[in-house]
């Protein structure tokens, strides 16, 4: 019984670690997207048009 509990605990730790890694990756992606959006906005404010391939932000 104790061995089964240890196995469950190990699996739970692996799942939690994986979820933490996925969440951190999503935060990185969100930060990159925000940076790209901010840079596009600055580009638009300076040049009056969006850089090629940036698309227009949806409001």
PDB file of N, CA and C in Angstrom:
ATOM      1  N   UNK A   1       0.823  -1.199   0.000  1.00  0.00           N
ATOM      2  CA  UNK A   1       0.000   0.000   0.000  1.00  0.00           C
ATOM      3  C   UNK A   1       0.865   1.259   0.000  1.00  0.00           C
ATOM      4  N   UNK A   2       1.910   1.253   0.826  1.00  0.00           N
ATOM      5  CA  UNK A   2       2.796   2.415   0.904  1.00  0.00           C
ATOM      6  C   UNK A   2       3.501   2.637  -0.429  1.00  0.00           C
ATOM      7  N   UNK A   3       3.859   1.525  -1.099  1.00  0.00           N
ATOM      8  CA  UNK A   3       4.524   1.645  -2.397  1.00  0.00           C
ATOM      9  C   UNK A   3       3.581   2.278  -3.423  1.00  0.00           C
ATOM     10  N   UNK A   4       2.320   1.885  -3.396  1.00  0.00           N
ATOM     11  CA  UNK A   4       1.347   2.468  -4.321  1.00  0.00           C
ATOM     12  C   UNK A   4       1.183   3.961  -4.061  1.00  0.00           C
ATOM     13  N   UNK A   5       1.153   4.346  -2.792  1.00  0.00           N
ATOM     14  CA  UNK A   5       1.031   5.765  -2.455  1.00  0.00           C
ATOM     15  C   UNK A   5       2.252   6.539  -2.934  1.00  0.00           C
ATOM     16  N   UNK A   6       3.428   5.942  -2.807  1.00  0.00           N
ATOM     17  CA  UNK A   6       4.643   6.596  -3.287  1.00  0.00           C
ATOM     18  C   UNK A   6       4.599   6.776  -4.800  1.00  0.00           C
ATOM     19  N   UNK A   7       4.105   5.757  -5.512  1.00  0.00           N
ATOM     20  CA  UNK A   7       4.001   5.856  -6.966  1.00  0.00           C
ATOM     21  C   UNK A   7       3.014   6.955  -7.364  1.00  0.00           C
ATOM     22  N   UNK A   8       1.896   7.020  -6.661  1.00  0.00           N
ATOM     23  CA  UNK A   8       0.903   8.064  -6.942  1.00  0.00           C
ATOM     24  C   UNK A   8       1.509   9.436  -6.663  1.00  0.00           C
ATOM     25  N   UNK A   9       2.245   9.550  -5.566  1.00  0.00           N
ATOM     26  CA  UNK A   9       2.875  10.824  -5.214  1.00  0.00           C
ATOM     27  C   UNK A   9       3.890  11.234  -6.279  1.00  0.00           C
ATOM     28  N   UNK A  10       4.685  10.275  -6.758  1.00  0.00           N
ATOM     29  CA  UNK A  10       5.665  10.570  -7.808  1.00  0.00           C
ATOM     30  C   UNK A  10       4.967  11.030  -9.082  1.00  0.00           C
ATOM     31  N   UNK A  11       3.905  10.342  -9.458  1.00  0.00           N
ATOM     32  CA  UNK A  11       3.153  10.728 -10.659  1.00  0.00           C
ATOM     33  C   UNK A  11       2.546  12.118 -10.498  1.00  0.00           C
ATOM     34  N   UNK A  12       2.026  12.383  -9.304  1.00  0.00           N
ATOM     35  CA  UNK A  12       1.441  13.701  -9.029  1.00  0.00           C
ATOM     36  C   UNK A  12       2.499  14.787  -9.162  1.00  0.00           C
ATOM     37  N   UNK A  13       3.693  14.519  -8.657  1.00  0.00           N
ATOM     38  CA  UNK A  13       4.781  15.494  -8.762  1.00  0.00           C
ATOM     39  C   UNK A  13       5.163  15.730 -10.222  1.00  0.00           C
ATOM     40  N   UNK A  14       5.217  14.668 -11.016  1.00  0.00           N
ATOM     41  CA  UNK A  14       5.550  14.799 -12.437  1.00  0.00           C
ATOM     42  C   UNK A  14       4.481  15.612 -13.157  1.00  0.00           C
ATOM     43  N   UNK A  15       3.218  15.319 -12.858  1.00  0.00           N
ATOM     44  CA  UNK A  15       2.111  16.061 -13.481  1.00  0.00           C
ATOM     45  C   UNK A  15       2.195  17.535 -13.100  1.00  0.00           C
ATOM     46  N   UNK A  16       2.430  17.816 -11.825  1.00  0.00           N
ATOM     47  CA  UNK A  16       2.514  19.212 -11.363  1.00  0.00           C
ATOM     48  C   UNK A  16       3.678  19.931 -12.035  1.00  0.00           C
ATOM     49  N   UNK A  17       4.820  19.247 -12.130  1.00  0.00           N
ATOM     50  CA  UNK A  17       5.993  19.848 -12.770  1.00  0.00           C
ATOM     51  C   UNK A  17       5.707  20.145 -14.242  1.00  0.00           C
ATOM     52  N   UNK A  18       5.054  19.208 -14.921  1.00  0.00           N
ATOM     53  CA  UNK A  18       4.702  19.398 -16.329  1.00  0.00           C
ATOM     54  C   UNK A  18       3.745  20.569 -16.493  1.00  0.00           C
ATOM     55  N   UNK A  19       2.746  20.648 -15.623  1.00  0.00           N
ATOM     56  CA  UNK A  19       1.789  21.758 -15.691  1.00  0.00           C
ATOM     57  C   UNK A  19       2.483  23.091 -15.429  1.00  0.00           C
ATOM     58  N   UNK A  20       3.406  23.105 -14.468  1.00  0.00           N
ATOM     59  CA  UNK A  20       4.157  24.332 -14.179  1.00  0.00           C
ATOM     60  C   UNK A  20       4.975  24.759 -15.392  1.00  0.00           C
ATOM     61  N   UNK A  21       5.629  23.795 -16.050  1.00  0.00           N
ATOM     62  CA  UNK A  21       6.428  24.101 -17.235  1.00  0.00           C
ATOM     63  C   UNK A  21       5.549  24.632 -18.362  1.00  0.00           C
ATOM     64  N   UNK A  22       4.386  24.010 -18.555  1.00  0.00           N
ATOM     65  CA  UNK A  22       3.470  24.466 -19.601  1.00  0.00           C
ATOM     66  C   UNK A  22       2.966  25.873 -19.298  1.00  0.00           C
ATOM     67  N   UNK A  23       2.643  26.134 -18.045  1.00  0.00           N
ATOM     68  CA  UNK A  23       2.159  27.463 -17.656  1.00  0.00           C
ATOM     69  C   UNK A  23       3.247  28.516 -17.882  1.00  0.00           C
ATOM     70  N   UNK A  24       4.477  28.186 -17.487  1.00  0.00           N
ATOM     71  CA  UNK A  24       5.588  29.115 -17.698  1.00  0.00           C
ATOM     72  C   UNK A  24       5.796  29.385 -19.182  1.00  0.00           C
ATOM     73  N   UNK A  25       5.652  28.356 -20.004  1.00  0.00           N
ATOM     74  CA  UNK A  25       5.797  28.533 -21.455  1.00  0.00           C
ATOM     75  C   UNK A  25       4.695  29.446 -21.989  1.00  0.00           C
ATOM     76  N   UNK A  26       3.473  29.269 -21.504  1.00  0.00           N
ATOM     77  CA  UNK A  26       2.380  30.152 -21.920  1.00  0.00           C
ATOM     78  C   UNK A  26       2.660  31.597 -21.516  1.00  0.00           C
ATOM     79  N   UNK A  27       3.229  31.796 -20.337  1.00  0.00           N
ATOM     80  CA  UNK A  27       3.578  33.155 -19.912  1.00  0.00           C
ATOM     81  C   UNK A  27       4.628  33.755 -20.840  1.00  0.00           C
ATOM     82  N   UNK A  28       5.604  32.946 -21.260  1.00  0.00           N
ATOM     83  CA  UNK A  28       6.621  33.420 -22.201  1.00  0.00           C
ATOM     84  C   UNK A  28       5.992  33.809 -23.531  1.00  0.00           C
ATOM     85  N   UNK A  29       5.081  32.965 -24.020  1.00  0.00           N
ATOM     86  CA  UNK A  29       4.410  33.241 -25.291  1.00  0.00           C
ATOM     87  C   UNK A  29       3.590  34.519 -25.185  1.00  0.00           C
ATOM     88  N   UNK A  30       2.873  34.672 -24.073  1.00  0.00           N
ATOM     89  CA  UNK A  30       2.061  35.873 -23.874  1.00  0.00           C
ATOM     90  C   UNK A  30       2.939  37.119 -23.837  1.00  0.00           C
ATOM     91  N   UNK A  31       4.072  37.042 -23.156  1.00  0.00           N
ATOM     92  CA  UNK A  31       4.981  38.187 -23.073  1.00  0.00           C
ATOM     93  C   UNK A  31       5.541  38.531 -24.448  1.00  0.00           C
ATOM     94  N   UNK A  32       5.891  37.515 -25.232  1.00  0.00           N
ATOM     95  CA  UNK A  32       6.399  37.744 -26.584  1.00  0.00           C
ATOM     96  C   UNK A  32       5.337  38.385 -27.460  1.00  0.00           C
ATOM     97  N   UNK A  33       4.113  37.887 -27.371  1.00  0.00           N
ATOM     98  CA  UNK A  33       3.016  38.455 -28.165  1.00  0.00           C
ATOM     99  C   UNK A  33       2.766  39.906 -27.770  1.00  0.00           C
ATOM    100  N   UNK A  34       2.813  40.190 -26.485  1.00  0.00           N
ATOM    101  CA  UNK A  34       2.593  41.569 -26.026  1.00  0.00           C
ATOM    102  C   UNK A  34       3.704  42.480 -26.518  1.00  0.00           C
ATOM    103  N   UNK A  35       4.953  41.992 -26.452  1.00  0.00           N
ATOM    104  CA  UNK A  35       6.085  42.785 -26.936  1.00  0.00           C
ATOM    105  C   UNK A  35       5.947  43.077 -28.422  1.00  0.00           C
ATOM    106  N   UNK A  36       5.570  42.051 -29.189  1.00  0.00           N
ATOM    107  CA  UNK A  36       5.386  42.218 -30.630  1.00  0.00           C
ATOM    108  C   UNK A  36       4.280  43.222 -30.913  1.00  0.00           C
ATOM    109  N   UNK A  37       3.184  43.116 -30.181  1.00  0.00           N
ATOM    110  CA  UNK A  37       2.074  44.048 -30.352  1.00  0.00           C
ATOM    111  C   UNK A  37       2.526  45.470 -30.023  1.00  0.00           C
ATOM    112  N   UNK A  38       3.225  45.639 -28.902  1.00  0.00           N
ATOM    113  CA  UNK A  38       3.693  46.965 -28.498  1.00  0.00           C
ATOM    114  C   UNK A  38       4.633  47.558 -29.545  1.00  0.00           C
ATOM    115  N   UNK A  39       5.542  46.726 -30.074  1.00  0.00           N
ATOM    116  CA  UNK A  39       6.466  47.205 -31.105  1.00  0.00           C
ATOM    117  C   UNK A  39       5.715  47.603 -32.367  1.00  0.00           C
ATOM    118  N   UNK A  40       4.700  46.838 -32.740  1.00  0.00           N
ATOM    119  CA  UNK A  40       3.888  47.176 -33.912  1.00  0.00           C
ATOM    120  C   UNK A  40       3.162  48.500 -33.699  1.00  0.00           C
ATOM    121  N   UNK A  41       2.657  48.699 -32.486  1.00  0.00           N
ATOM    122  CA  UNK A  41       1.963  49.952 -32.182  1.00  0.00           C
ATOM    123  C   UNK A  41       2.915  51.142 -32.287  1.00  0.00           C
ATOM    124  N   UNK A  42       4.127  50.980 -31.739  1.00  0.00           N
ATOM    125  CA  UNK A  42       5.111  52.070 -31.823  1.00  0.00           C
ATOM    126  C   UNK A  42       5.483  52.335 -33.277  1.00  0.00           C
ATOM    127  N   UNK A  43       5.659  51.281 -34.052  1.00  0.00           N
ATOM    128  CA  UNK A  43       5.972  51.412 -35.474  1.00  0.00           C
ATOM    129  C   UNK A  43       4.861  52.180 -36.172  1.00  0.00           C
ATOM    130  N   UNK A  44       3.610  51.801 -35.892  1.00  0.00           N
ATOM    131  CA  UNK A  44       2.466  52.462 -36.518  1.00  0.00           C
ATOM    132  C   UNK A  44       2.413  53.937 -36.123  1.00  0.00           C
ATOM    133  N   UNK A  45       2.619  54.218 -34.847  1.00  0.00           N
ATOM    134  CA  UNK A  45       2.562  55.607 -34.388  1.00  0.00           C
ATOM    135  C   UNK A  45       3.650  56.452 -35.043  1.00  0.00           C
ATOM    136  N   UNK A  46       4.806  55.852 -35.307  1.00  0.00           N
ATOM    137  CA  UNK A  46       5.910  56.602 -35.901  1.00  0.00           C
ATOM    138  C   UNK A  46       5.771  56.712 -37.416  1.00  0.00           C
ATOM    139  N   UNK A  47       5.492  55.581 -38.082  1.00  0.00           N
ATOM    140  CA  UNK A  47       5.488  55.551 -39.549  1.00  0.00           C
ATOM    141  C   UNK A  47       4.097  55.712 -40.161  1.00  0.00           C
ATOM    142  N   UNK A  48       3.056  55.488 -39.381  1.00  0.00           N
ATOM    143  CA  UNK A  48       1.703  55.651 -39.896  1.00  0.00           C
ATOM    144  C   UNK A  48       1.131  54.418 -40.564  1.00  0.00           C
ATOM    145  N   UNK A  49       1.857  53.325 -40.547  1.00  0.00           N
ATOM    146  CA  UNK A  49       1.336  52.059 -41.070  1.00  0.00           C
ATOM    147  C   UNK A  49       1.997  50.924 -40.301  1.00  0.00           C
ATOM    148  N   UNK A  50       1.383  49.749 -40.395  1.00  0.00           N
ATOM    149  CA  UNK A  50       1.915  48.600 -39.669  1.00  0.00           C
ATOM    150  C   UNK A  50       2.998  47.914 -40.483  1.00  0.00           C
ATOM    151  N   UNK A  51       4.005  47.342 -39.812  1.00  0.00           N
ATOM    152  CA  UNK A  51       5.039  46.618 -40.544  1.00  0.00           C
ATOM    153  C   UNK A  51       4.436  45.446 -41.315  1.00  0.00           C
ATOM    154  N   UNK A  52       5.029  45.130 -42.442  1.00  0.00           N
ATOM    155  CA  UNK A  52       4.520  44.042 -43.276  1.00  0.00           C
ATOM    156  C   UNK A  52       4.493  42.747 -42.476  1.00  0.00           C
ATOM    157  N   UNK A  53       3.375  42.038 -42.568  1.00  0.00           N
ATOM    158  CA  UNK A  53       3.250  40.758 -41.879  1.00  0.00           C
ATOM    159  C   UNK A  53       2.758  40.877 -40.445  1.00  0.00           C
ATOM    160  N   UNK A  54       2.655  42.097 -39.932  1.00  0.00           N
ATOM    161  CA  UNK A  54       2.239  42.251 -38.536  1.00  0.00           C
ATOM    162  C   UNK A  54       0.728  42.148 -38.390  1.00  0.00           C
ATOM    163  N   UNK A  55       0.021  42.457 -39.465  1.00  0.00           N
ATOM    164  CA  UNK A  55      -1.432  42.466 -39.357  1.00  0.00           C
ATOM    165  C   UNK A  55      -1.889  43.664 -38.549  1.00  0.00           C
ATOM    166  N   UNK A  56      -3.147  43.879 -38.538  1.00  0.00           N
ATOM    167  CA  UNK A  56      -3.682  45.004 -37.767  1.00  0.00           C
ATOM    168  C   UNK A  56      -4.266  44.460 -36.466  1.00  0.00           C
ATOM    169  N   UNK A  57      -4.010  45.153 -35.358  1.00  0.00           N
ATOM    170  CA  UNK A  57      -4.570  44.680 -34.089  1.00  0.00           C
ATOM    171  C   UNK A  57      -6.082  44.794 -34.095  1.00  0.00           C
ATOM    172  N   UNK A  58      -6.730  43.834 -33.502  1.00  0.00           N
ATOM    173  CA  UNK A  58      -8.189  43.871 -33.411  1.00  0.00           C
ATOM    174  C   UNK A  58      -8.556  44.498 -32.084  1.00  0.00           C
ATOM    175  N   UNK A  59      -9.506  45.363 -32.116  1.00  0.00           N
ATOM    176  CA  UNK A  59      -9.914  46.065 -30.890  1.00  0.00           C
ATOM    177  C   UNK A  59     -11.212  45.493 -30.378  1.00  0.00           C
TER     178      UNK A  59
END
